[in-house]
Amino acid sequence: MLLQISYDLRDWDRDYDDLYEEIKRQGRWWHHLKSTWIIETDKSPRQVVDDLEELLSRGDRLIVSEIKRFDGVLPEKAWNWLERHRERKADSIDLG
């Protein structure tokens, strides 16, 4: 399943590398928008939140949701990744 992870990280003095690394461990990942990741995983949104919540600072916000349909304005390689991972598994890539 494809999950979207979006956040609002409010601690400007903090290094969030531990959060980003944990997101990458959740499954095959896509990160083309500043505060949004898309992962292909067998985990539920609740399981991903449980894995990430302890890495947030007080006041940070996080939402994880299942993606069923999508549309928007993105480069072709971003759409290609989304289409490939909608139904099958492939290697992780960073489109950032």
PDB file of N, CA and C in Angstrom:
ATOM      1  N   MET A   1       0.841  -1.171   0.000  1.00  0.00           N
ATOM      2  CA  MET A   1       0.000   0.000   0.000  1.00  0.00           C
ATOM      3  C   MET A   1       0.888   1.236   0.000  1.00  0.00           C
ATOM      4  N   LEU A   2       0.380   2.312  -0.552  1.00  0.00           N
ATOM      5  CA  LEU A   2       1.098   3.592  -0.533  1.00  0.00           C
ATOM      6  C   LEU A   2       0.571   4.446   0.606  1.00  0.00           C
ATOM      7  N   LEU A   3       1.482   4.943   1.421  1.00  0.00           N
ATOM      8  CA  LEU A   3       1.124   5.860   2.500  1.00  0.00           C
ATOM      9  C   LEU A   3       1.805   7.193   2.281  1.00  0.00           C
ATOM     10  N   GLN A   4       1.104   8.249   2.603  1.00  0.00           N
ATOM     11  CA  GLN A   4       1.679   9.593   2.565  1.00  0.00           C
ATOM     12  C   GLN A   4       1.974  10.024   3.993  1.00  0.00           C
ATOM     13  N   ILE A   5       3.189  10.492   4.205  1.00  0.00           N
ATOM     14  CA  ILE A   5       3.604  11.042   5.492  1.00  0.00           C
ATOM     15  C   ILE A   5       3.822  12.533   5.280  1.00  0.00           C
ATOM     16  N   SER A   6       3.094  13.347   6.020  1.00  0.00           N
ATOM     17  CA  SER A   6       3.270  14.799   5.953  1.00  0.00           C
ATOM     18  C   SER A   6       3.482  15.319   7.360  1.00  0.00           C
ATOM     19  N   TYR A   7       4.307  16.348   7.471  1.00  0.00           N
ATOM     20  CA  TYR A   7       4.607  16.872   8.797  1.00  0.00           C
ATOM     21  C   TYR A   7       4.837  18.375   8.764  1.00  0.00           C
ATOM     22  N   ASP A   8       4.742  18.950   9.944  1.00  0.00           N
ATOM     23  CA  ASP A   8       5.100  20.342  10.197  1.00  0.00           C
ATOM     24  C   ASP A   8       6.082  20.297  11.365  1.00  0.00           C
ATOM     25  N   LEU A   9       7.357  20.430  11.057  1.00  0.00           N
ATOM     26  CA  LEU A   9       8.411  20.343  12.079  1.00  0.00           C
ATOM     27  C   LEU A   9       8.729  21.755  12.556  1.00  0.00           C
ATOM     28  N   ARG A  10       8.523  22.003  13.834  1.00  0.00           N
ATOM     29  CA  ARG A  10       8.550  23.372  14.354  1.00  0.00           C
ATOM     30  C   ARG A  10       9.797  23.724  15.162  1.00  0.00           C
ATOM     31  N   ASP A  11      10.650  22.764  15.445  1.00  0.00           N
ATOM     32  CA  ASP A  11      11.855  23.031  16.237  1.00  0.00           C
ATOM     33  C   ASP A  11      13.006  23.346  15.278  1.00  0.00           C
ATOM     34  N   TRP A  12      13.150  24.617  14.934  1.00  0.00           N
ATOM     35  CA  TRP A  12      14.128  25.043  13.922  1.00  0.00           C
ATOM     36  C   TRP A  12      15.569  24.746  14.321  1.00  0.00           C
ATOM     37  N   ASP A  13      15.850  24.612  15.618  1.00  0.00           N
ATOM     38  CA  ASP A  13      17.211  24.360  16.091  1.00  0.00           C
ATOM     39  C   ASP A  13      17.557  22.873  16.126  1.00  0.00           C
ATOM     40  N   ARG A  14      16.610  22.027  15.829  1.00  0.00           N
ATOM     41  CA  ARG A  14      16.817  20.591  15.958  1.00  0.00           C
ATOM     42  C   ARG A  14      17.248  19.966  14.634  1.00  0.00           C
ATOM     43  N   ASP A  15      18.080  18.948  14.740  1.00  0.00           N
ATOM     44  CA  ASP A  15      18.466  18.124  13.600  1.00  0.00           C
ATOM     45  C   ASP A  15      17.483  16.938  13.553  1.00  0.00           C
ATOM     46  N   TYR A  16      16.719  16.829  12.491  1.00  0.00           N
ATOM     47  CA  TYR A  16      15.700  15.789  12.356  1.00  0.00           C
ATOM     48  C   TYR A  16      16.182  14.579  11.561  1.00  0.00           C
ATOM     49  N   ASP A  17      17.477  14.426  11.413  1.00  0.00           N
ATOM     50  CA  ASP A  17      18.000  13.302  10.622  1.00  0.00           C
ATOM     51  C   ASP A  17      17.509  11.947  11.134  1.00  0.00           C
ATOM     52  N   ASP A  18      17.347  11.795  12.456  1.00  0.00           N
ATOM     53  CA  ASP A  18      16.856  10.524  12.996  1.00  0.00           C
ATOM     54  C   ASP A  18      15.430  10.240  12.517  1.00  0.00           C
ATOM     55  N   LEU A  19      14.611  11.259  12.412  1.00  0.00           N
ATOM     56  CA  LEU A  19      13.257  11.098  11.887  1.00  0.00           C
ATOM     57  C   LEU A  19      13.288  10.685  10.420  1.00  0.00           C
ATOM     58  N   TYR A  20      14.095  11.370   9.626  1.00  0.00           N
ATOM     59  CA  TYR A  20      14.181  11.049   8.200  1.00  0.00           C
ATOM     60  C   TYR A  20      14.677   9.623   7.975  1.00  0.00           C
ATOM     61  N   GLU A  21      15.644   9.200   8.744  1.00  0.00           N
ATOM     62  CA  GLU A  21      16.163   7.835   8.608  1.00  0.00           C
ATOM     63  C   GLU A  21      15.108   6.797   8.989  1.00  0.00           C
ATOM     64  N   GLU A  22      14.320   7.095  10.014  1.00  0.00           N
ATOM     65  CA  GLU A  22      13.254   6.169  10.404  1.00  0.00           C
ATOM     66  C   GLU A  22      12.171   6.104   9.326  1.00  0.00           C
ATOM     67  N   ILE A  23      11.863   7.224   8.707  1.00  0.00           N
ATOM     68  CA  ILE A  23      10.904   7.216   7.598  1.00  0.00           C
ATOM     69  C   ILE A  23      11.424   6.302   6.483  1.00  0.00           C
ATOM     70  N   LYS A  24      12.695   6.415   6.156  1.00  0.00           N
ATOM     71  CA  LYS A  24      13.279   5.584   5.099  1.00  0.00           C
ATOM     72  C   LYS A  24      13.212   4.103   5.441  1.00  0.00           C
ATOM     73  N   ARG A  25      13.260   3.760   6.727  1.00  0.00           N
ATOM     74  CA  ARG A  25      13.196   2.355   7.152  1.00  0.00           C
ATOM     75  C   ARG A  25      11.780   1.781   7.070  1.00  0.00           C
ATOM     76  N   GLN A  26      10.783   2.606   6.860  1.00  0.00           N
ATOM     77  CA  GLN A  26       9.397   2.148   6.843  1.00  0.00           C
ATOM     78  C   GLN A  26       9.046   1.369   5.584  1.00  0.00           C
ATOM     79  N   GLY A  27       9.785   1.565   4.514  1.00  0.00           N
ATOM     80  CA  GLY A  27       9.496   0.878   3.255  1.00  0.00           C
ATOM     81  C   GLY A  27      10.176   1.602   2.112  1.00  0.00           C
ATOM     82  N   ARG A  28       9.809   1.231   0.909  1.00  0.00           N
ATOM     83  CA  ARG A  28      10.350   1.929  -0.262  1.00  0.00           C
ATOM     84  C   ARG A  28       9.808   3.339  -0.221  1.00  0.00           C
ATOM     85  N   TRP A  29      10.647   4.316  -0.473  1.00  0.00           N
ATOM     86  CA  TRP A  29      10.240   5.700  -0.216  1.00  0.00           C
ATOM     87  C   TRP A  29      10.468   6.630  -1.388  1.00  0.00           C
ATOM     88  N   TRP A  30       9.713   7.713  -1.354  1.00  0.00           N
ATOM     89  CA  TRP A  30       9.705   8.784  -2.349  1.00  0.00           C
ATOM     90  C   TRP A  30       9.665  10.086  -1.567  1.00  0.00           C
ATOM     91  N   HIS A  31      10.525  11.020  -1.908  1.00  0.00           N
ATOM     92  CA  HIS A  31      10.566  12.289  -1.170  1.00  0.00           C
ATOM     93  C   HIS A  31      10.837  13.409  -2.164  1.00  0.00           C
ATOM     94  N   HIS A  32       9.771  13.923  -2.753  1.00  0.00           N
ATOM     95  CA  HIS A  32       9.910  14.955  -3.769  1.00  0.00           C
ATOM     96  C   HIS A  32       9.363  16.302  -3.308  1.00  0.00           C
ATOM     97  N   LEU A  33       8.590  16.314  -2.251  1.00  0.00           N
ATOM     98  CA  LEU A  33       8.042  17.550  -1.697  1.00  0.00           C
ATOM     99  C   LEU A  33       8.638  17.783  -0.316  1.00  0.00           C
ATOM    100  N   LYS A  34       8.875  19.009   0.018  1.00  0.00           N
ATOM    101  CA  LYS A  34       9.636  19.378   1.215  1.00  0.00           C
ATOM    102  C   LYS A  34       9.176  18.685   2.504  1.00  0.00           C
ATOM    103  N   SER A  35       7.904  18.666   2.768  1.00  0.00           N
ATOM    104  CA  SER A  35       7.394  18.112   4.031  1.00  0.00           C
ATOM    105  C   SER A  35       6.527  16.879   3.825  1.00  0.00           C
ATOM    106  N   THR A  36       6.744  16.187   2.710  1.00  0.00           N
ATOM    107  CA  THR A  36       5.921  15.021   2.391  1.00  0.00           C
ATOM    108  C   THR A  36       6.799  13.882   1.888  1.00  0.00           C
ATOM    109  N   TRP A  37       6.530  12.702   2.393  1.00  0.00           N
ATOM    110  CA  TRP A  37       7.151  11.468   1.922  1.00  0.00           C
ATOM    111  C   TRP A  37       6.028  10.542   1.499  1.00  0.00           C
ATOM    112  N   ILE A  38       6.290   9.704   0.531  1.00  0.00           N
ATOM    113  CA  ILE A  38       5.377   8.627   0.184  1.00  0.00           C
ATOM    114  C   ILE A  38       6.172   7.336   0.315  1.00  0.00           C
ATOM    115  N   ILE A  39       5.571   6.376   0.999  1.00  0.00           N
ATOM    116  CA  ILE A  39       6.243   5.099   1.200  1.00  0.00           C
ATOM    117  C   ILE A  39       5.353   3.968   0.704  1.00  0.00           C
ATOM    118  N   GLU A  40       5.985   2.944   0.189  1.00  0.00           N
ATOM    119  CA  GLU A  40       5.305   1.700  -0.123  1.00  0.00           C
ATOM    120  C   GLU A  40       5.639   0.746   1.009  1.00  0.00           C
ATOM    121  N   THR A  41       4.628   0.245   1.692  1.00  0.00           N
ATOM    122  CA  THR A  41       4.850  -0.549   2.888  1.00  0.00           C
ATOM    123  C   THR A  41       3.675  -1.485   3.134  1.00  0.00           C
ATOM    124  N   ASP A  42       3.887  -2.474   3.964  1.00  0.00           N
ATOM    125  CA  ASP A  42       2.806  -3.341   4.426  1.00  0.00           C
ATOM    126  C   ASP A  42       2.258  -2.860   5.764  1.00  0.00           C
ATOM    127  N   LYS A  43       2.840  -1.804   6.311  1.00  0.00           N
ATOM    128  CA  LYS A  43       2.409  -1.275   7.604  1.00  0.00           C
ATOM    129  C   LYS A  43       1.150  -0.421   7.455  1.00  0.00           C
ATOM    130  N   SER A  44       0.400  -0.343   8.537  1.00  0.00           N
ATOM    131  CA  SER A  44      -0.773   0.527   8.571  1.00  0.00           C
ATOM    132  C   SER A  44      -0.323   1.956   8.901  1.00  0.00           C
ATOM    133  N   PRO A  45      -1.163   2.939   8.616  1.00  0.00           N
ATOM    134  CA  PRO A  45      -0.816   4.304   9.032  1.00  0.00           C
ATOM    135  C   PRO A  45      -0.528   4.386  10.538  1.00  0.00           C
ATOM    136  N   ARG A  46      -1.305   3.689  11.360  1.00  0.00           N
ATOM    137  CA  ARG A  46      -1.095   3.727  12.815  1.00  0.00           C
ATOM    138  C   ARG A  46       0.281   3.170  13.185  1.00  0.00           C
ATOM    139  N   GLN A  47       0.700   2.095  12.546  1.00  0.00           N
ATOM    140  CA  GLN A  47       2.014   1.513  12.844  1.00  0.00           C
ATOM    141  C   GLN A  47       3.128   2.497  12.496  1.00  0.00           C
ATOM    142  N   VAL A  48       3.000   3.198  11.387  1.00  0.00           N
ATOM    143  CA  VAL A  48       4.017   4.176  10.998  1.00  0.00           C
ATOM    144  C   VAL A  48       4.040   5.337  11.991  1.00  0.00           C
ATOM    145  N   VAL A  49       2.870   5.826  12.375  1.00  0.00           N
ATOM    146  CA  VAL A  49       2.818   6.902  13.385  1.00  0.00           C
ATOM    147  C   VAL A  49       3.502   6.441  14.667  1.00  0.00           C
ATOM    148  N   ASP A  50       3.207   5.229  15.102  1.00  0.00           N
ATOM    149  CA  ASP A  50       3.837   4.707  16.325  1.00  0.00           C
ATOM    150  C   ASP A  50       5.353   4.691  16.204  1.00  0.00           C
ATOM    151  N   ASP A  51       5.872   4.341  15.024  1.00  0.00           N
ATOM    152  CA  ASP A  51       7.319   4.292  14.822  1.00  0.00           C
ATOM    153  C   ASP A  51       7.959   5.682  14.796  1.00  0.00           C
ATOM    154  N   LEU A  52       7.219   6.682  14.348  1.00  0.00           N
ATOM    155  CA  LEU A  52       7.795   8.018  14.161  1.00  0.00           C
ATOM    156  C   LEU A  52       7.536   8.974  15.323  1.00  0.00           C
ATOM    157  N   GLU A  53       6.479   8.759  16.056  1.00  0.00           N
ATOM    158  CA  GLU A  53       6.029   9.731  17.056  1.00  0.00           C
ATOM    159  C   GLU A  53       7.090  10.093  18.092  1.00  0.00           C
ATOM    160  N   GLU A  54       7.840   9.116  18.542  1.00  0.00           N
ATOM    161  CA  GLU A  54       8.858   9.383  19.573  1.00  0.00           C
ATOM    162  C   GLU A  54      10.012  10.249  19.049  1.00  0.00           C
ATOM    163  N   LEU A  55      10.119  10.401  17.738  1.00  0.00           N
ATOM    164  CA  LEU A  55      11.200  11.182  17.145  1.00  0.00           C
ATOM    165  C   LEU A  55      10.795  12.632  16.876  1.00  0.00           C
ATOM    166  N   LEU A  56       9.574  12.985  17.233  1.00  0.00           N
ATOM    167  CA  LEU A  56       9.090  14.348  17.032  1.00  0.00           C
ATOM    168  C   LEU A  56       9.381  15.206  18.253  1.00  0.00           C
ATOM    169  N   SER A  57       9.508  16.490  18.035  1.00  0.00           N
ATOM    170  CA  SER A  57       9.642  17.447  19.132  1.00  0.00           C
ATOM    171  C   SER A  57       8.258  17.912  19.555  1.00  0.00           C
ATOM    172  N   ARG A  58       8.180  18.463  20.744  1.00  0.00           N
ATOM    173  CA  ARG A  58       6.919  19.019  21.229  1.00  0.00           C
ATOM    174  C   ARG A  58       6.442  20.095  20.258  1.00  0.00           C
ATOM    175  N   GLY A  59       5.201  20.007  19.862  1.00  0.00           N
ATOM    176  CA  GLY A  59       4.642  20.987  18.944  1.00  0.00           C
ATOM    177  C   GLY A  59       4.708  20.580  17.476  1.00  0.00           C
ATOM    178  N   ASP A  60       5.508  19.550  17.140  1.00  0.00           N
ATOM    179  CA  ASP A  60       5.539  19.054  15.762  1.00  0.00           C
ATOM    180  C   ASP A  60       4.198  18.408  15.432  1.00  0.00           C
ATOM    181  N   ARG A  61       3.876  18.379  14.162  1.00  0.00           N
ATOM    182  CA  ARG A  61       2.637  17.767  13.692  1.00  0.00           C
ATOM    183  C   ARG A  61       2.964  16.701  12.651  1.00  0.00           C
ATOM    184  N   LEU A  62       2.152  15.642  12.607  1.00  0.00           N
ATOM    185  CA  LEU A  62       2.389  14.520  11.709  1.00  0.00           C
ATOM    186  C   LEU A  62       1.052  13.907  11.310  1.00  0.00           C
ATOM    187  N   ILE A  63       0.925  13.577  10.032  1.00  0.00           N
ATOM    188  CA  ILE A  63      -0.232  12.818   9.572  1.00  0.00           C
ATOM    189  C   ILE A  63       0.260  11.757   8.587  1.00  0.00           C
ATOM    190  N   VAL A  64      -0.287  10.557   8.730  1.00  0.00           N
ATOM    191  CA  VAL A  64       0.026   9.449   7.833  1.00  0.00           C
ATOM    192  C   VAL A  64      -1.306   8.939   7.282  1.00  0.00           C
ATOM    193  N   SER A  65      -1.412   8.890   5.965  1.00  0.00           N
ATOM    194  CA  SER A  65      -2.675   8.474   5.356  1.00  0.00           C
ATOM    195  C   SER A  65      -2.416   7.557   4.169  1.00  0.00           C
ATOM    196  N   GLU A  66      -3.374   6.683   3.910  1.00  0.00           N
ATOM    197  CA  GLU A  66      -3.272   5.778   2.773  1.00  0.00           C
ATOM    198  C   GLU A  66      -3.666   6.527   1.499  1.00  0.00           C
ATOM    199  N   ILE A  67      -2.886   6.307   0.442  1.00  0.00           N
ATOM    200  CA  ILE A  67      -3.159   6.943  -0.848  1.00  0.00           C
ATOM    201  C   ILE A  67      -3.912   5.959  -1.732  1.00  0.00           C
ATOM    202  N   LYS A  68      -5.087   6.342  -2.148  1.00  0.00           N
ATOM    203  CA  LYS A  68      -5.882   5.513  -3.058  1.00  0.00           C
ATOM    204  C   LYS A  68      -5.832   6.086  -4.475  1.00  0.00           C
ATOM    205  N   ARG A  69      -5.954   7.393  -4.600  1.00  0.00           N
ATOM    206  CA  ARG A  69      -5.889   8.082  -5.888  1.00  0.00           C
ATOM    207  C   ARG A  69      -5.042   9.333  -5.695  1.00  0.00           C
ATOM    208  N   PHE A  70      -4.465   9.800  -6.772  1.00  0.00           N
ATOM    209  CA  PHE A  70      -3.635  11.005  -6.659  1.00  0.00           C
ATOM    210  C   PHE A  70      -3.639  11.782  -7.955  1.00  0.00           C
ATOM    211  N   ASP A  71      -3.333  13.058  -7.843  1.00  0.00           N
ATOM    212  CA  ASP A  71      -3.191  13.948  -8.978  1.00  0.00           C
ATOM    213  C   ASP A  71      -2.432  15.164  -8.486  1.00  0.00           C
ATOM    214  N   GLY A  72      -1.863  15.913  -9.366  1.00  0.00           N
ATOM    215  CA  GLY A  72      -1.137  17.101  -8.957  1.00  0.00           C
ATOM    216  C   GLY A  72      -0.221  17.598 -10.057  1.00  0.00           C
ATOM    217  N   VAL A  73       0.737  18.421  -9.666  1.00  0.00           N
ATOM    218  CA  VAL A  73       1.718  18.992 -10.586  1.00  0.00           C
ATOM    219  C   VAL A  73       3.090  18.564 -10.095  1.00  0.00           C
ATOM    220  N   LEU A  74       3.667  17.574 -10.774  1.00  0.00           N
ATOM    221  CA  LEU A  74       4.964  17.016 -10.399  1.00  0.00           C
ATOM    222  C   LEU A  74       5.731  16.700 -11.677  1.00  0.00           C
ATOM    223  N   PRO A  75       7.058  16.539 -11.566  1.00  0.00           N
ATOM    224  CA  PRO A  75       7.836  16.115 -12.729  1.00  0.00           C
ATOM    225  C   PRO A  75       7.459  14.693 -13.155  1.00  0.00           C
ATOM    226  N   GLU A  76       7.726  14.370 -14.395  1.00  0.00           N
ATOM    227  CA  GLU A  76       7.382  13.054 -14.932  1.00  0.00           C
ATOM    228  C   GLU A  76       7.977  11.911 -14.116  1.00  0.00           C
ATOM    229  N   LYS A  77       9.241  12.058 -13.658  1.00  0.00           N
ATOM    230  CA  LYS A  77       9.851  10.956 -12.904  1.00  0.00           C
ATOM    231  C   LYS A  77       9.128  10.706 -11.580  1.00  0.00           C
ATOM    232  N   ALA A  78       8.515  11.727 -11.009  1.00  0.00           N
ATOM    233  CA  ALA A  78       7.730  11.534  -9.788  1.00  0.00           C
ATOM    234  C   ALA A  78       6.479  10.719 -10.086  1.00  0.00           C
ATOM    235  N   TRP A  79       5.787  11.034 -11.178  1.00  0.00           N
ATOM    236  CA  TRP A  79       4.592  10.279 -11.567  1.00  0.00           C
ATOM    237  C   TRP A  79       4.954   8.840 -11.901  1.00  0.00           C
ATOM    238  N   ASN A  80       6.084   8.650 -12.562  1.00  0.00           N
ATOM    239  CA  ASN A  80       6.518   7.291 -12.902  1.00  0.00           C
ATOM    240  C   ASN A  80       6.713   6.447 -11.653  1.00  0.00           C
ATOM    241  N   TRP A  81       7.353   7.024 -10.631  1.00  0.00           N
ATOM    242  CA  TRP A  81       7.563   6.305  -9.375  1.00  0.00           C
ATOM    243  C   TRP A  81       6.227   5.946  -8.748  1.00  0.00           C
ATOM    244  N   LEU A  82       5.333   6.893  -8.672  1.00  0.00           N
ATOM    245  CA  LEU A  82       4.028   6.649  -8.060  1.00  0.00           C
ATOM    246  C   LEU A  82       3.264   5.549  -8.797  1.00  0.00           C
ATOM    247  N   GLU A  83       3.259   5.599 -10.098  1.00  0.00           N
ATOM    248  CA  GLU A  83       2.558   4.574 -10.869  1.00  0.00           C
ATOM    249  C   GLU A  83       3.188   3.198 -10.673  1.00  0.00           C
ATOM    250  N   ARG A  84       4.516   3.132 -10.681  1.00  0.00           N
ATOM    251  CA  ARG A  84       5.211   1.858 -10.494  1.00  0.00           C
ATOM    252  C   ARG A  84       4.913   1.241  -9.136  1.00  0.00           C
ATOM    253  N   HIS A  85       4.814   2.074  -8.103  1.00  0.00           N
ATOM    254  CA  HIS A  85       4.658   1.575  -6.743  1.00  0.00           C
ATOM    255  C   HIS A  85       3.206   1.476  -6.303  1.00  0.00           C
ATOM    256  N   ARG A  86       2.312   1.918  -7.135  1.00  0.00           N
ATOM    257  CA  ARG A  86       0.887   1.812  -6.800  1.00  0.00           C
ATOM    258  C   ARG A  86       0.496   0.351  -6.645  1.00  0.00           C
ATOM    259  N   GLU A  87       0.977  -0.505  -7.518  1.00  0.00           N
ATOM    260  CA  GLU A  87       0.558  -1.901  -7.521  1.00  0.00           C
ATOM    261  C   GLU A  87       1.674  -2.898  -7.238  1.00  0.00           C
ATOM    262  N   ARG A  88       2.916  -2.541  -7.482  1.00  0.00           N
ATOM    263  CA  ARG A  88       3.992  -3.514  -7.304  1.00  0.00           C
ATOM    264  C   ARG A  88       5.152  -2.879  -6.571  1.00  0.00           C
ATOM    265  N   LYS A  89       6.120  -3.697  -6.175  1.00  0.00           N
ATOM    266  CA  LYS A  89       7.276  -3.229  -5.418  1.00  0.00           C
ATOM    267  C   LYS A  89       8.476  -3.045  -6.336  1.00  0.00           C
ATOM    268  N   ALA A  90       9.286  -2.009  -6.010  1.00  0.00           N
ATOM    269  CA  ALA A  90      10.535  -1.757  -6.749  1.00  0.00           C
ATOM    270  C   ALA A  90      11.529  -1.165  -5.770  1.00  0.00           C
ATOM    271  N   ASP A  91      12.703  -0.827  -6.246  1.00  0.00           N
ATOM    272  CA  ASP A  91      13.748  -0.294  -5.376  1.00  0.00           C
ATOM    273  C   ASP A  91      13.436   1.131  -4.941  1.00  0.00           C
ATOM    274  N   SER A  92      13.938   1.507  -3.757  1.00  0.00           N
ATOM    275  CA  SER A  92      13.773   2.861  -3.235  1.00  0.00           C
ATOM    276  C   SER A  92      14.632   3.831  -4.025  1.00  0.00           C
ATOM    277  N   ILE A  93      14.053   4.996  -4.287  1.00  0.00           N
ATOM    278  CA  ILE A  93      14.822   6.054  -4.922  1.00  0.00           C
ATOM    279  C   ILE A  93      14.467   7.375  -4.288  1.00  0.00           C
ATOM    280  N   ASP A  94      15.375   8.305  -4.312  1.00  0.00           N
ATOM    281  CA  ASP A  94      15.147   9.653  -3.811  1.00  0.00           C
ATOM    282  C   ASP A  94      15.009  10.572  -5.022  1.00  0.00           C
ATOM    283  N   LEU A  95      13.847  11.182  -5.157  1.00  0.00           N
ATOM    284  CA  LEU A  95      13.614  12.072  -6.280  1.00  0.00           C
ATOM    285  C   LEU A  95      13.873  13.510  -5.910  1.00  0.00           C
ATOM    286  N   GLY A  96      14.453  13.762  -4.759  1.00  0.00           N
ATOM    287  CA  GLY A  96      14.651  15.120  -4.268  1.00  0.00           C
ATOM    288  C   GLY A  96      15.678  15.920  -4.924  1.00  0.00           C
TER     289      GLY A  96
END
